[in-house]
Amino acid sequence: MAHWRPGFHPVLLRAERGELLEAQQAALGRDVAIKSLHQRLATDLDVYLLREARLTGMLEHPNIIPVYALGVDRGGQLLLVMK
């Protein structure tokens, strides 16, 4: 997976199941959002995040946020990287 640099104000949104972080894709110098699940829920809900990534990644529409990457962090937590 590409390297991501967290922004100065990394947390865009915190929710019951996870959070959305602001970051920068180092290789291309573009801003991205990284969606992750809370550690305590990750193993139970990974299948839902995988499904979201696959379905959203197949769609192209002006009102749907593009998926750039799907991967795991150093701790093994699933990450969904979006525009």
C-alpha atoms as a PDB file:
ATOM      1  CA  MET A   1       0.000   0.000   0.000  1.00  0.00           C
ATOM      2  CA  ALA A   2       1.124   3.544  -0.648  1.00  0.00           C
ATOM      3  CA  HIS A   3       2.382   5.720   2.163  1.00  0.00           C
ATOM      4  CA  TRP A   4      -0.085   8.138   3.730  1.00  0.00           C
ATOM      5  CA  ARG A   5       0.827  11.183   5.785  1.00  0.00           C
ATOM      6  CA  PRO A   6      -1.808  12.239   8.323  1.00  0.00           C
ATOM      7  CA  GLY A   7      -2.859  15.879   8.028  1.00  0.00           C
ATOM      8  CA  PHE A   8      -2.494  18.467  10.767  1.00  0.00           C
ATOM      9  CA  HIS A   9      -6.195  17.998  11.626  1.00  0.00           C
ATOM     10  CA  PRO A  10      -6.474  14.313  10.889  1.00  0.00           C
ATOM     11  CA  VAL A  11      -9.897  13.436  12.276  1.00  0.00           C
ATOM     12  CA  LEU A  12     -12.696  14.612   9.981  1.00  0.00           C
ATOM     13  CA  LEU A  13     -15.420  12.547  11.624  1.00  0.00           C
ATOM     14  CA  ARG A  14     -15.797  10.170  14.556  1.00  0.00           C
ATOM     15  CA  ALA A  15     -18.772   7.832  14.580  1.00  0.00           C
ATOM     16  CA  GLU A  16     -19.994   4.845  16.564  1.00  0.00           C
ATOM     17  CA  ARG A  17     -18.285   2.312  14.289  1.00  0.00           C
ATOM     18  CA  GLY A  18     -15.163   4.135  13.162  1.00  0.00           C
ATOM     19  CA  GLU A  19     -13.577   7.357  12.009  1.00  0.00           C
ATOM     20  CA  LEU A  20     -12.666   9.277   8.894  1.00  0.00           C
ATOM     21  CA  LEU A  21      -9.163  10.753   8.780  1.00  0.00           C
ATOM     22  CA  GLU A  22      -7.687  13.463   6.606  1.00  0.00           C
ATOM     23  CA  ALA A  23      -4.346  12.488   5.062  1.00  0.00           C
ATOM     24  CA  GLN A  24      -2.081  13.093   2.099  1.00  0.00           C
ATOM     25  CA  GLN A  25      -0.924  10.467  -0.367  1.00  0.00           C
ATOM     26  CA  ALA A  26       2.821  11.076  -0.275  1.00  0.00           C
ATOM     27  CA  ALA A  27       3.675   9.682  -3.710  1.00  0.00           C
ATOM     28  CA  LEU A  28       1.156  11.851  -5.598  1.00  0.00           C
ATOM     29  CA  GLY A  29       0.843  14.755  -3.173  1.00  0.00           C
ATOM     30  CA  ARG A  30      -2.951  14.604  -3.129  1.00  0.00           C
ATOM     31  CA  ASP A  31      -5.376  14.911  -0.244  1.00  0.00           C
ATOM     32  CA  VAL A  32      -7.313  11.783   0.686  1.00  0.00           C
ATOM     33  CA  ALA A  33      -9.731  10.548   3.325  1.00  0.00           C
ATOM     34  CA  ILE A  34      -9.031   7.304   5.174  1.00  0.00           C
ATOM     35  CA  LYS A  35     -11.945   5.377   6.656  1.00  0.00           C
ATOM     36  CA  SER A  36     -11.211   2.892   9.424  1.00  0.00           C
ATOM     37  CA  LEU A  37     -13.182   0.954  11.999  1.00  0.00           C
ATOM     38  CA  HIS A  38     -12.681   1.263  15.737  1.00  0.00           C
ATOM     39  CA  GLN A  39     -10.239  -1.380  16.939  1.00  0.00           C
ATOM     40  CA  ARG A  40     -12.840  -3.064  19.152  1.00  0.00           C
ATOM     41  CA  LEU A  41     -15.230  -3.526  16.204  1.00  0.00           C
ATOM     42  CA  ALA A  42     -12.768  -4.168  13.390  1.00  0.00           C
ATOM     43  CA  THR A  43     -12.824  -7.961  13.264  1.00  0.00           C
ATOM     44  CA  ASP A  44     -16.628  -8.129  13.347  1.00  0.00           C
ATOM     45  CA  LEU A  45     -17.226  -5.409  10.761  1.00  0.00           C
ATOM     46  CA  ASP A  46     -14.316  -5.908   8.330  1.00  0.00           C
ATOM     47  CA  VAL A  47     -16.623  -7.773   5.968  1.00  0.00           C
ATOM     48  CA  TYR A  48     -18.871  -4.698   5.711  1.00  0.00           C
ATOM     49  CA  LEU A  49     -15.961  -2.362   4.993  1.00  0.00           C
ATOM     50  CA  LEU A  50     -14.664  -4.787   2.350  1.00  0.00           C
ATOM     51  CA  ARG A  51     -18.102  -4.929   0.735  1.00  0.00           C
ATOM     52  CA  GLU A  52     -18.368  -1.129   0.777  1.00  0.00           C
ATOM     53  CA  ALA A  53     -14.927  -0.801  -0.821  1.00  0.00           C
ATOM     54  CA  ARG A  54     -15.675  -3.310  -3.573  1.00  0.00           C
ATOM     55  CA  LEU A  55     -19.104  -1.916  -4.434  1.00  0.00           C
ATOM     56  CA  THR A  56     -18.045   1.729  -4.307  1.00  0.00           C
ATOM     57  CA  GLY A  57     -14.888   0.943  -6.276  1.00  0.00           C
ATOM     58  CA  MET A  58     -16.991  -0.410  -9.166  1.00  0.00           C
ATOM     59  CA  LEU A  59     -19.180   2.691  -9.401  1.00  0.00           C
ATOM     60  CA  GLU A  60     -18.478   5.863 -11.321  1.00  0.00           C
ATOM     61  CA  HIS A  61     -20.835   8.755 -10.695  1.00  0.00           C
ATOM     62  CA  PRO A  62     -20.326  12.439  -9.820  1.00  0.00           C
ATOM     63  CA  ASN A  63     -22.171  11.975  -6.505  1.00  0.00           C
ATOM     64  CA  ILE A  64     -20.146   8.942  -5.357  1.00  0.00           C
ATOM     65  CA  ILE A  65     -16.767   9.446  -3.711  1.00  0.00           C
ATOM     66  CA  PRO A  66     -14.079   7.467  -5.605  1.00  0.00           C
ATOM     67  CA  VAL A  67     -12.121   4.736  -3.824  1.00  0.00           C
ATOM     68  CA  TYR A  68      -8.347   5.056  -4.303  1.00  0.00           C
ATOM     69  CA  ALA A  69      -7.117   2.058  -2.317  1.00  0.00           C
ATOM     70  CA  LEU A  70      -7.975  -0.674   0.147  1.00  0.00           C
ATOM     71  CA  GLY A  71      -5.330  -1.971   2.514  1.00  0.00           C
ATOM     72  CA  VAL A  72      -4.234  -2.550   6.064  1.00  0.00           C
ATOM     73  CA  ASP A  73      -2.169  -0.468   8.436  1.00  0.00           C
ATOM     74  CA  ARG A  74       0.864  -1.713  10.371  1.00  0.00           C
ATOM     75  CA  GLY A  75      -1.430  -3.035  13.104  1.00  0.00           C
ATOM     76  CA  GLY A  76      -3.454  -5.102  10.635  1.00  0.00           C
ATOM     77  CA  GLN A  77      -6.481  -2.801  10.675  1.00  0.00           C
ATOM     78  CA  LEU A  78      -8.418  -2.478   7.410  1.00  0.00           C
ATOM     79  CA  LEU A  79      -8.317   0.958   5.747  1.00  0.00           C
ATOM     80  CA  LEU A  80     -10.427   2.366   2.920  1.00  0.00           C
ATOM     81  CA  VAL A  81      -8.731   5.296   1.144  1.00  0.00           C
ATOM     82  CA  MET A  82     -11.009   7.666  -0.756  1.00  0.00           C
ATOM     83  CA  LYS A  83     -10.906  11.003  -2.529  1.00  0.00           C
END
